[in-house]
Each structure stands twice: as C-alpha cells, then as structure tokens.
C-alpha cells in the first residue's frame, strides 16, 4: 500500500521488500533529533526504547547464521531445513526485532515533536531517504562510454603525477 510509510533502520530492507511510498529510516530520525548521537540500532534501541537488542543473527564467513536458544548456529540460507522448533525461535526473534523497531520509531517520533523538527524531517529528510532507498533498490544507470573516457583521463593524470615524482 503506497499510502502507508515503511520504516527500517537500514536501507538494506528496501532491497528485499516490495514497497511503494515513503521510507522512514530511524537512523535519519535519530540524526535529526541529535546529529551527534551514535546511529547504531543497539545504542538507539537502548536509549529511546529501553530495549537491549538480541544479537542472534550475524555473519560468519560470508554466511548469515542464526544462533538458537541452545547456542547452535543455523545457516539462514537453509532455513527450510531447520527443525520446526528452531524455525519458531527464529520467528520469535524476528517479531522482537520488528517490535523493537516499532518502539524506536514511536519514541523518535515523540522526540521529533520539538518545534519544527518533525516538519523538517517529514518535508526534507523523508523524500531524500525514499530517493536513496529507490536508488539502492533499482541501481543507477552508468554510461559505460563516458566511464571509459574518464578512466583514460585519470590513468593519464596518474602517470603524469608518478613521472613528476621520479
């Protein structure tokens, strides 16, 4: 539904979600509230939502793995092969993440209620964030011919610079 804004903490989510409409990034919201604040999810969730993040999902040797309640790792790519109880643990983990993001969004929204901050965020930052999400999702066109010309010019300039150092 393009009339419903989407919210995440990174633009990574826009790459696999089929979405339309505005994209609300909690990092951008936090930056508008205080440009000097750390923007990592752990810190913001603790500060604004009083939630300590559960770090069960991580990357190990270029594989994304989930650590179950017994401390065993399960490769995310093999999710459909996991035992049902591990799949259930993973679902609960994902629900907690979504609940934490929703709480963070609400708390940052309240923090943006300061005079003119909310309007600034909504009018300036949301369209820019949405544009960045669209660019990340769709990619950018590259003119290969112009890129080759630029590469040749840069190579020539580099060779001249190196020659002048000898």
N, C-alpha and C. Protein backbone atom coordinates (compact mmCIF):
# COMPACT_ATOMS: atom_id res chain seq x y z
N UNK A 1 0.86 -1.18 0.00
CA UNK A 1 0.00 0.00 0.00
C UNK A 1 0.90 1.24 0.00
N UNK A 2 0.96 1.98 -1.09
CA UNK A 2 1.84 3.14 -1.17
C UNK A 2 1.46 4.28 -0.23
N UNK A 3 0.27 4.24 0.35
CA UNK A 3 -0.12 5.32 1.27
C UNK A 3 0.41 5.07 2.68
N UNK A 4 0.91 3.87 2.94
CA UNK A 4 1.44 3.54 4.26
C UNK A 4 2.96 3.63 4.21
N UNK A 5 3.56 4.52 5.01
CA UNK A 5 5.03 4.61 5.02
C UNK A 5 5.66 3.32 5.55
N UNK A 6 6.85 3.02 5.07
CA UNK A 6 7.60 1.86 5.53
C UNK A 6 8.73 2.37 6.41
N UNK A 7 9.12 1.58 7.39
CA UNK A 7 10.13 2.01 8.35
C UNK A 7 11.17 0.91 8.52
N UNK A 8 12.44 1.33 8.59
CA UNK A 8 13.51 0.38 8.89
C UNK A 8 14.66 1.14 9.53
N UNK A 9 15.66 0.40 9.91
CA UNK A 9 16.85 1.05 10.48
C UNK A 9 17.98 1.11 9.47
N UNK A 10 17.84 0.43 8.36
CA UNK A 10 18.83 0.48 7.29
C UNK A 10 18.10 0.43 5.96
N UNK A 11 18.77 0.84 4.92
CA UNK A 11 18.18 0.74 3.59
C UNK A 11 18.26 -0.68 3.06
N UNK A 12 18.96 -1.56 3.76
CA UNK A 12 19.07 -2.96 3.33
C UNK A 12 17.69 -3.58 3.14
N UNK A 13 16.77 -3.26 4.06
CA UNK A 13 15.43 -3.85 3.99
C UNK A 13 14.70 -3.51 2.71
N UNK A 14 14.95 -2.32 2.16
CA UNK A 14 14.23 -1.94 0.94
C UNK A 14 14.63 -2.82 -0.23
N UNK A 15 15.76 -3.49 -0.15
CA UNK A 15 16.21 -4.34 -1.25
C UNK A 15 15.40 -5.61 -1.41
N UNK A 16 14.79 -6.07 -0.35
CA UNK A 16 14.02 -7.31 -0.47
C UNK A 16 12.54 -7.12 -0.19
N UNK A 17 12.14 -5.94 0.23
CA UNK A 17 10.72 -5.67 0.42
C UNK A 17 10.15 -5.09 -0.87
N UNK A 18 8.98 -5.54 -1.26
CA UNK A 18 8.29 -4.97 -2.40
C UNK A 18 7.46 -3.82 -1.86
N UNK A 19 7.92 -2.60 -2.07
CA UNK A 19 7.30 -1.47 -1.42
C UNK A 19 7.09 -0.33 -2.39
N UNK A 20 6.21 0.55 -2.00
CA UNK A 20 5.99 1.81 -2.69
C UNK A 20 5.62 2.84 -1.64
N UNK A 21 5.95 4.08 -1.88
CA UNK A 21 5.61 5.13 -0.92
C UNK A 21 6.82 5.56 -0.13
N UNK A 22 6.59 6.33 0.92
CA UNK A 22 7.68 6.90 1.72
C UNK A 22 8.39 5.84 2.55
N UNK A 23 9.70 6.09 2.75
CA UNK A 23 10.55 5.21 3.54
C UNK A 23 11.06 5.99 4.74
N UNK A 24 10.76 5.52 5.96
CA UNK A 24 11.22 6.18 7.17
C UNK A 24 12.40 5.39 7.72
N UNK A 25 13.54 6.06 7.85
CA UNK A 25 14.76 5.43 8.34
C UNK A 25 15.00 5.96 9.75
N UNK A 26 15.02 5.07 10.74
CA UNK A 26 15.19 5.51 12.13
C UNK A 26 16.56 6.14 12.37
N UNK A 27 17.55 5.79 11.56
CA UNK A 27 18.86 6.45 11.70
C UNK A 27 18.75 7.93 11.36
N UNK A 28 18.01 8.22 10.29
CA UNK A 28 17.83 9.61 9.90
C UNK A 28 17.01 10.35 10.95
N UNK A 29 15.99 9.70 11.49
CA UNK A 29 15.18 10.32 12.55
C UNK A 29 16.07 10.66 13.74
N UNK A 30 16.92 9.72 14.15
CA UNK A 30 17.80 9.94 15.30
C UNK A 30 18.78 11.07 15.00
N UNK A 31 19.27 11.14 13.78
CA UNK A 31 20.20 12.20 13.39
C UNK A 31 19.53 13.57 13.48
N UNK A 32 18.26 13.65 13.06
CA UNK A 32 17.54 14.93 13.14
C UNK A 32 17.32 15.32 14.60
N UNK A 33 17.04 14.33 15.45
CA UNK A 33 16.86 14.62 16.88
C UNK A 33 18.16 15.15 17.47
N UNK A 34 19.29 14.50 17.14
CA UNK A 34 20.59 14.91 17.68
C UNK A 34 21.67 14.41 16.72
N UNK A 35 22.25 15.33 15.97
CA UNK A 35 23.23 14.94 14.95
C UNK A 35 24.51 14.36 15.54
N UNK A 36 24.69 14.45 16.84
CA UNK A 36 25.89 13.92 17.48
C UNK A 36 25.69 12.55 18.12
N UNK A 37 24.53 11.96 17.95
CA UNK A 37 24.23 10.69 18.60
C UNK A 37 24.75 9.51 17.77
N UNK A 38 25.18 8.44 18.41
CA UNK A 38 25.52 7.23 17.65
C UNK A 38 24.27 6.74 16.92
N UNK A 39 24.43 6.18 15.74
CA UNK A 39 23.27 5.78 14.94
C UNK A 39 23.08 4.27 14.87
N UNK A 40 23.86 3.51 15.63
CA UNK A 40 23.68 2.06 15.56
C UNK A 40 22.41 1.67 16.32
N UNK A 41 21.79 0.62 15.85
CA UNK A 41 20.50 0.18 16.38
C UNK A 41 20.58 -0.18 17.85
N UNK A 42 21.63 -0.87 18.26
CA UNK A 42 21.76 -1.26 19.67
C UNK A 42 21.69 -0.05 20.59
N UNK A 43 22.48 0.97 20.27
CA UNK A 43 22.54 2.16 21.11
C UNK A 43 21.20 2.89 21.14
N UNK A 44 20.62 3.09 19.95
CA UNK A 44 19.35 3.84 19.86
C UNK A 44 18.21 3.08 20.53
N UNK A 45 18.16 1.76 20.35
CA UNK A 45 17.09 0.97 20.98
C UNK A 45 17.17 1.07 22.50
N UNK A 46 18.39 1.04 23.03
CA UNK A 46 18.56 1.14 24.48
C UNK A 46 18.19 2.53 24.97
N UNK A 47 18.67 3.56 24.28
CA UNK A 47 18.42 4.94 24.72
C UNK A 47 16.95 5.33 24.61
N UNK A 48 16.34 5.06 23.47
CA UNK A 48 14.98 5.58 23.24
C UNK A 48 13.87 4.61 23.61
N UNK A 49 14.11 3.30 23.45
CA UNK A 49 13.05 2.32 23.72
C UNK A 49 13.33 1.46 24.94
N UNK A 50 14.50 1.67 25.58
CA UNK A 50 14.92 0.90 26.74
C UNK A 50 14.89 -0.61 26.46
N UNK A 51 15.41 -0.97 25.28
CA UNK A 51 15.45 -2.38 24.86
C UNK A 51 16.90 -2.74 24.55
N UNK A 52 17.34 -3.87 25.08
CA UNK A 52 18.65 -4.42 24.74
C UNK A 52 18.45 -5.41 23.61
N UNK A 53 19.13 -5.16 22.51
CA UNK A 53 18.96 -6.00 21.31
C UNK A 53 19.52 -7.41 21.54
N UNK A 54 18.84 -8.37 20.96
CA UNK A 54 19.24 -9.77 20.97
C UNK A 54 20.09 -10.00 19.72
N UNK A 55 21.35 -10.35 19.88
CA UNK A 55 22.28 -10.46 18.76
C UNK A 55 22.44 -11.91 18.30
N UNK A 56 21.39 -12.52 17.85
CA UNK A 56 21.47 -13.92 17.41
C UNK A 56 21.74 -14.07 15.92
N UNK A 57 21.50 -13.04 15.17
CA UNK A 57 21.70 -13.11 13.73
C UNK A 57 23.00 -12.38 13.41
N UNK A 58 23.92 -13.06 12.72
CA UNK A 58 25.19 -12.44 12.41
C UNK A 58 25.78 -13.10 11.17
N UNK A 59 26.84 -12.50 10.68
CA UNK A 59 27.52 -13.03 9.50
C UNK A 59 28.79 -13.73 9.94
N UNK A 60 28.96 -14.97 9.47
CA UNK A 60 30.13 -15.77 9.78
C UNK A 60 30.64 -16.34 8.46
N UNK A 61 31.87 -15.96 8.09
CA UNK A 61 32.49 -16.47 6.86
C UNK A 61 31.54 -16.31 5.66
N UNK A 62 31.04 -15.10 5.49
CA UNK A 62 30.14 -14.76 4.37
C UNK A 62 28.83 -15.54 4.37
N UNK A 63 28.46 -16.08 5.51
CA UNK A 63 27.17 -16.76 5.65
C UNK A 63 26.42 -16.08 6.79
N UNK A 64 25.11 -15.89 6.61
CA UNK A 64 24.30 -15.35 7.69
C UNK A 64 23.81 -16.53 8.51
N UNK A 65 24.04 -16.46 9.82
CA UNK A 65 23.64 -17.57 10.70
C UNK A 65 22.79 -17.03 11.85
N UNK A 66 21.94 -17.92 12.35
CA UNK A 66 21.08 -17.64 13.50
C UNK A 66 21.49 -18.57 14.62
N UNK A 67 21.69 -18.01 15.82
CA UNK A 67 22.05 -18.82 16.98
C UNK A 67 20.77 -19.14 17.74
N UNK A 68 20.47 -20.43 17.90
CA UNK A 68 19.24 -20.82 18.60
C UNK A 68 19.41 -20.73 20.12
N UNK A 69 18.37 -21.10 20.86
CA UNK A 69 18.39 -20.99 22.32
C UNK A 69 19.45 -21.87 22.97
N UNK A 70 19.90 -22.90 22.27
CA UNK A 70 20.93 -23.79 22.80
C UNK A 70 22.34 -23.36 22.40
N UNK A 71 22.42 -22.26 21.62
CA UNK A 71 23.71 -21.74 21.20
C UNK A 71 24.23 -22.35 19.92
N UNK A 72 23.39 -23.11 19.21
CA UNK A 72 23.81 -23.73 17.96
C UNK A 72 23.53 -22.79 16.80
N UNK A 73 24.46 -22.73 15.83
CA UNK A 73 24.30 -21.88 14.66
C UNK A 73 23.56 -22.62 13.56
N UNK A 74 22.69 -21.87 12.86
CA UNK A 74 21.93 -22.41 11.74
C UNK A 74 22.04 -21.42 10.59
N UNK A 75 22.51 -21.90 9.44
CA UNK A 75 22.67 -21.03 8.28
C UNK A 75 21.31 -20.59 7.76
N UNK A 76 21.15 -19.29 7.60
CA UNK A 76 19.86 -18.74 7.19
C UNK A 76 19.43 -19.26 5.81
N UNK A 77 20.39 -19.48 4.93
CA UNK A 77 20.06 -19.96 3.58
C UNK A 77 19.38 -21.33 3.62
N UNK A 78 19.58 -22.07 4.71
CA UNK A 78 18.99 -23.41 4.84
C UNK A 78 17.78 -23.39 5.78
N UNK A 79 17.13 -22.25 5.92
CA UNK A 79 16.01 -22.10 6.86
C UNK A 79 14.97 -23.21 6.72
N UNK A 80 14.62 -23.58 5.50
CA UNK A 80 13.56 -24.57 5.29
C UNK A 80 13.97 -25.98 5.73
N UNK A 81 15.24 -26.17 6.01
CA UNK A 81 15.73 -27.45 6.50
C UNK A 81 15.86 -27.47 8.03
N UNK A 82 15.66 -26.34 8.67
CA UNK A 82 15.78 -26.26 10.12
C UNK A 82 14.67 -27.07 10.79
N UNK A 83 14.94 -27.58 11.99
CA UNK A 83 13.86 -28.21 12.76
C UNK A 83 12.77 -27.17 13.06
N UNK A 84 11.52 -27.60 13.14
CA UNK A 84 10.41 -26.66 13.38
C UNK A 84 10.61 -25.79 14.63
N UNK A 85 11.19 -26.37 15.69
CA UNK A 85 11.36 -25.58 16.92
C UNK A 85 12.38 -24.45 16.72
N UNK A 86 13.38 -24.66 15.87
CA UNK A 86 14.37 -23.61 15.58
C UNK A 86 13.72 -22.55 14.69
N UNK A 87 12.90 -22.97 13.74
CA UNK A 87 12.16 -22.01 12.92
C UNK A 87 11.28 -21.13 13.80
N UNK A 88 10.66 -21.73 14.80
CA UNK A 88 9.81 -20.97 15.72
C UNK A 88 10.63 -19.97 16.53
N UNK A 89 11.84 -20.39 16.99
CA UNK A 89 12.73 -19.47 17.71
C UNK A 89 13.09 -18.28 16.81
N UNK A 90 13.37 -18.57 15.55
CA UNK A 90 13.74 -17.53 14.61
C UNK A 90 12.57 -16.56 14.39
N UNK A 91 11.37 -17.10 14.27
CA UNK A 91 10.19 -16.24 14.09
C UNK A 91 10.01 -15.32 15.29
N UNK A 92 10.17 -15.86 16.50
CA UNK A 92 10.05 -15.03 17.71
C UNK A 92 11.13 -13.95 17.73
N UNK A 93 12.34 -14.32 17.31
CA UNK A 93 13.44 -13.36 17.22
C UNK A 93 13.07 -12.23 16.27
N UNK A 94 12.55 -12.57 15.10
CA UNK A 94 12.17 -11.56 14.10
C UNK A 94 11.06 -10.65 14.62
N UNK A 95 10.09 -11.24 15.31
CA UNK A 95 8.99 -10.45 15.88
C UNK A 95 9.53 -9.46 16.90
N UNK A 96 10.48 -9.90 17.75
CA UNK A 96 11.08 -8.98 18.72
C UNK A 96 11.80 -7.83 18.02
N UNK A 97 12.50 -8.14 16.93
CA UNK A 97 13.18 -7.10 16.17
C UNK A 97 12.19 -6.07 15.62
N UNK A 98 11.11 -6.57 15.05
CA UNK A 98 10.09 -5.67 14.49
C UNK A 98 9.45 -4.84 15.60
N UNK A 99 9.15 -5.47 16.72
CA UNK A 99 8.57 -4.74 17.86
C UNK A 99 9.53 -3.66 18.36
N UNK A 100 10.82 -3.99 18.42
CA UNK A 100 11.82 -3.01 18.86
C UNK A 100 11.90 -1.85 17.88
N UNK A 101 11.90 -2.15 16.59
CA UNK A 101 11.95 -1.09 15.58
C UNK A 101 10.72 -0.19 15.69
N UNK A 102 9.55 -0.80 15.90
CA UNK A 102 8.32 -0.01 16.04
C UNK A 102 8.40 0.89 17.27
N UNK A 103 8.90 0.36 18.37
CA UNK A 103 9.04 1.17 19.59
C UNK A 103 10.04 2.30 19.37
N UNK A 104 11.15 2.00 18.71
CA UNK A 104 12.16 3.02 18.43
C UNK A 104 11.55 4.11 17.55
N UNK A 105 10.82 3.72 16.53
CA UNK A 105 10.16 4.69 15.65
C UNK A 105 9.21 5.60 16.44
N UNK A 106 8.40 5.01 17.29
CA UNK A 106 7.46 5.80 18.10
C UNK A 106 8.20 6.78 19.00
N UNK A 107 9.24 6.31 19.69
CA UNK A 107 9.98 7.17 20.61
C UNK A 107 10.72 8.29 19.86
N UNK A 108 11.29 7.97 18.72
CA UNK A 108 11.96 9.01 17.93
C UNK A 108 10.94 10.00 17.38
N UNK A 109 9.76 9.50 17.02
CA UNK A 109 8.69 10.39 16.57
C UNK A 109 8.31 11.38 17.65
N UNK A 110 8.22 10.90 18.90
CA UNK A 110 7.94 11.81 20.02
C UNK A 110 9.08 12.82 20.18
N UNK A 111 10.31 12.36 20.03
CA UNK A 111 11.47 13.25 20.18
C UNK A 111 11.50 14.31 19.08
N UNK A 112 10.92 13.99 17.92
CA UNK A 112 10.88 14.95 16.82
C UNK A 112 9.78 15.99 16.98
N UNK A 113 8.97 15.84 18.01
CA UNK A 113 7.87 16.77 18.22
C UNK A 113 8.36 18.16 18.59
N UNK A 114 9.65 18.31 18.86
CA UNK A 114 10.19 19.62 19.17
C UNK A 114 9.86 20.57 18.02
N UNK A 115 9.76 21.85 18.30
CA UNK A 115 9.36 22.82 17.27
C UNK A 115 10.15 22.66 15.98
N UNK A 116 9.44 22.49 14.92
CA UNK A 116 9.95 22.45 13.54
C UNK A 116 10.77 21.21 13.20
N UNK A 117 11.19 20.41 14.15
CA UNK A 117 11.98 19.22 13.82
C UNK A 117 11.16 18.21 13.03
N UNK A 118 9.93 17.94 13.47
CA UNK A 118 9.10 16.94 12.79
C UNK A 118 8.81 17.38 11.36
N UNK A 119 8.44 18.65 11.18
CA UNK A 119 8.15 19.15 9.83
C UNK A 119 9.38 19.07 8.94
N UNK A 120 10.53 19.46 9.50
CA UNK A 120 11.78 19.38 8.72
C UNK A 120 12.03 17.94 8.29
N UNK A 121 11.94 17.01 9.24
CA UNK A 121 12.19 15.60 8.93
C UNK A 121 11.23 15.11 7.84
N UNK A 122 9.95 15.41 8.00
CA UNK A 122 8.94 14.92 7.07
C UNK A 122 9.08 15.56 5.68
N UNK A 123 9.37 16.83 5.63
CA UNK A 123 9.41 17.54 4.34
C UNK A 123 10.75 17.42 3.62
N UNK A 124 11.84 17.31 4.37
CA UNK A 124 13.17 17.30 3.76
C UNK A 124 13.83 15.93 3.77
N UNK A 125 13.82 15.27 4.91
CA UNK A 125 14.59 14.03 5.04
C UNK A 125 13.86 12.81 4.49
N UNK A 126 12.55 12.73 4.71
CA UNK A 126 11.81 11.55 4.21
C UNK A 126 11.90 11.44 2.69
N UNK A 127 11.66 12.51 1.92
CA UNK A 127 11.80 12.36 0.47
C UNK A 127 13.22 11.96 0.05
N UNK A 128 14.23 12.51 0.73
CA UNK A 128 15.61 12.17 0.40
C UNK A 128 15.90 10.71 0.74
N UNK A 129 15.43 10.26 1.90
CA UNK A 129 15.62 8.87 2.31
C UNK A 129 14.92 7.93 1.33
N UNK A 130 13.71 8.30 0.93
CA UNK A 130 12.96 7.50 -0.03
C UNK A 130 13.71 7.41 -1.36
N UNK A 131 14.26 8.53 -1.80
CA UNK A 131 15.04 8.55 -3.04
C UNK A 131 16.26 7.64 -2.92
N UNK A 132 16.97 7.73 -1.79
CA UNK A 132 18.14 6.86 -1.58
C UNK A 132 17.74 5.39 -1.59
N UNK A 133 16.61 5.06 -0.97
CA UNK A 133 16.13 3.68 -0.96
C UNK A 133 15.81 3.21 -2.37
N UNK A 134 15.17 4.07 -3.15
CA UNK A 134 14.85 3.71 -4.55
C UNK A 134 16.13 3.51 -5.36
N UNK A 135 17.12 4.38 -5.14
CA UNK A 135 18.38 4.24 -5.86
C UNK A 135 19.09 2.95 -5.48
N UNK A 136 19.06 2.61 -4.19
CA UNK A 136 19.71 1.38 -3.76
C UNK A 136 18.99 0.16 -4.33
N UNK A 137 17.69 0.23 -4.36
CA UNK A 137 16.89 -0.90 -4.86
C UNK A 137 17.02 -1.06 -6.37
N UNK A 138 16.96 0.04 -7.11
CA UNK A 138 16.92 -0.02 -8.57
C UNK A 138 18.28 0.12 -9.22
N UNK A 139 19.24 0.61 -8.47
CA UNK A 139 20.56 0.87 -9.05
C UNK A 139 20.57 2.20 -9.78
N UNK A 140 21.73 2.56 -10.28
CA UNK A 140 21.89 3.81 -11.02
C UNK A 140 22.39 3.48 -12.42
N UNK A 141 21.88 4.20 -13.42
CA UNK A 141 22.39 3.96 -14.78
C UNK A 141 23.83 4.46 -14.89
N UNK A 142 24.64 3.72 -15.58
CA UNK A 142 26.04 4.10 -15.78
C UNK A 142 26.30 4.15 -17.28
N UNK A 143 26.84 5.27 -17.74
CA UNK A 143 27.22 5.42 -19.13
C UNK A 143 28.62 4.83 -19.28
N UNK A 144 28.70 3.63 -19.84
CA UNK A 144 29.98 2.93 -19.93
C UNK A 144 30.98 3.66 -20.82
N UNK A 145 30.49 4.30 -21.91
CA UNK A 145 31.41 5.02 -22.79
C UNK A 145 32.07 6.18 -22.05
N UNK A 146 31.27 6.95 -21.32
CA UNK A 146 31.82 8.07 -20.55
C UNK A 146 32.74 7.58 -19.43
N UNK A 147 32.39 6.44 -18.84
CA UNK A 147 33.22 5.87 -17.78
C UNK A 147 34.60 5.50 -18.33
N UNK A 148 34.64 4.93 -19.54
CA UNK A 148 35.93 4.59 -20.16
C UNK A 148 36.75 5.84 -20.46
N UNK A 149 36.11 6.90 -20.93
CA UNK A 149 36.81 8.17 -21.20
C UNK A 149 37.40 8.71 -19.90
N UNK A 150 36.60 8.70 -18.83
CA UNK A 150 37.06 9.20 -17.54
C UNK A 150 38.22 8.35 -17.03
N UNK A 151 38.11 7.04 -17.18
CA UNK A 151 39.18 6.15 -16.72
C UNK A 151 40.48 6.44 -17.46
N UNK A 152 40.40 6.70 -18.75
CA UNK A 152 41.59 7.02 -19.54
C UNK A 152 42.19 8.34 -19.07
N UNK A 153 41.35 9.33 -18.84
CA UNK A 153 41.84 10.63 -18.36
C UNK A 153 42.53 10.48 -17.00
N UNK A 154 41.94 9.71 -16.11
CA UNK A 154 42.52 9.51 -14.78
C UNK A 154 43.83 8.75 -14.85
N UNK A 155 43.90 7.74 -15.73
CA UNK A 155 45.14 6.99 -15.90
C UNK A 155 46.26 7.90 -16.39
N UNK A 156 45.94 8.75 -17.35
CA UNK A 156 46.93 9.70 -17.89
C UNK A 156 47.41 10.66 -16.81
N UNK A 157 46.47 11.20 -16.03
CA UNK A 157 46.83 12.12 -14.95
C UNK A 157 47.69 11.41 -13.91
N UNK A 158 47.37 10.15 -13.59
CA UNK A 158 48.15 9.38 -12.62
C UNK A 158 49.57 9.16 -13.14
N UNK A 159 49.70 8.80 -14.41
CA UNK A 159 51.02 8.58 -14.99
C UNK A 159 51.86 9.85 -14.94
N UNK A 160 51.23 11.01 -15.24
CA UNK A 160 51.95 12.29 -15.18
C UNK A 160 52.41 12.58 -13.76
N UNK A 161 51.54 12.34 -12.79
CA UNK A 161 51.87 12.58 -11.39
C UNK A 161 53.02 11.69 -10.95
N UNK A 162 52.96 10.40 -11.33
CA UNK A 162 54.02 9.48 -10.97
C UNK A 162 55.35 9.88 -11.61
N UNK A 163 55.28 10.33 -12.87
CA UNK A 163 56.50 10.74 -13.59
C UNK A 163 57.12 11.95 -12.92
N UNK A 164 56.29 12.86 -12.42
CA UNK A 164 56.84 14.06 -11.80
C UNK A 164 57.50 13.76 -10.46
N UNK A 165 57.20 12.63 -9.87
CA UNK A 165 57.80 12.22 -8.59
C UNK A 165 59.15 11.53 -8.77
N UNK A 166 59.46 11.12 -9.98
CA UNK A 166 60.71 10.38 -10.22
C UNK A 166 61.89 11.27 -10.32
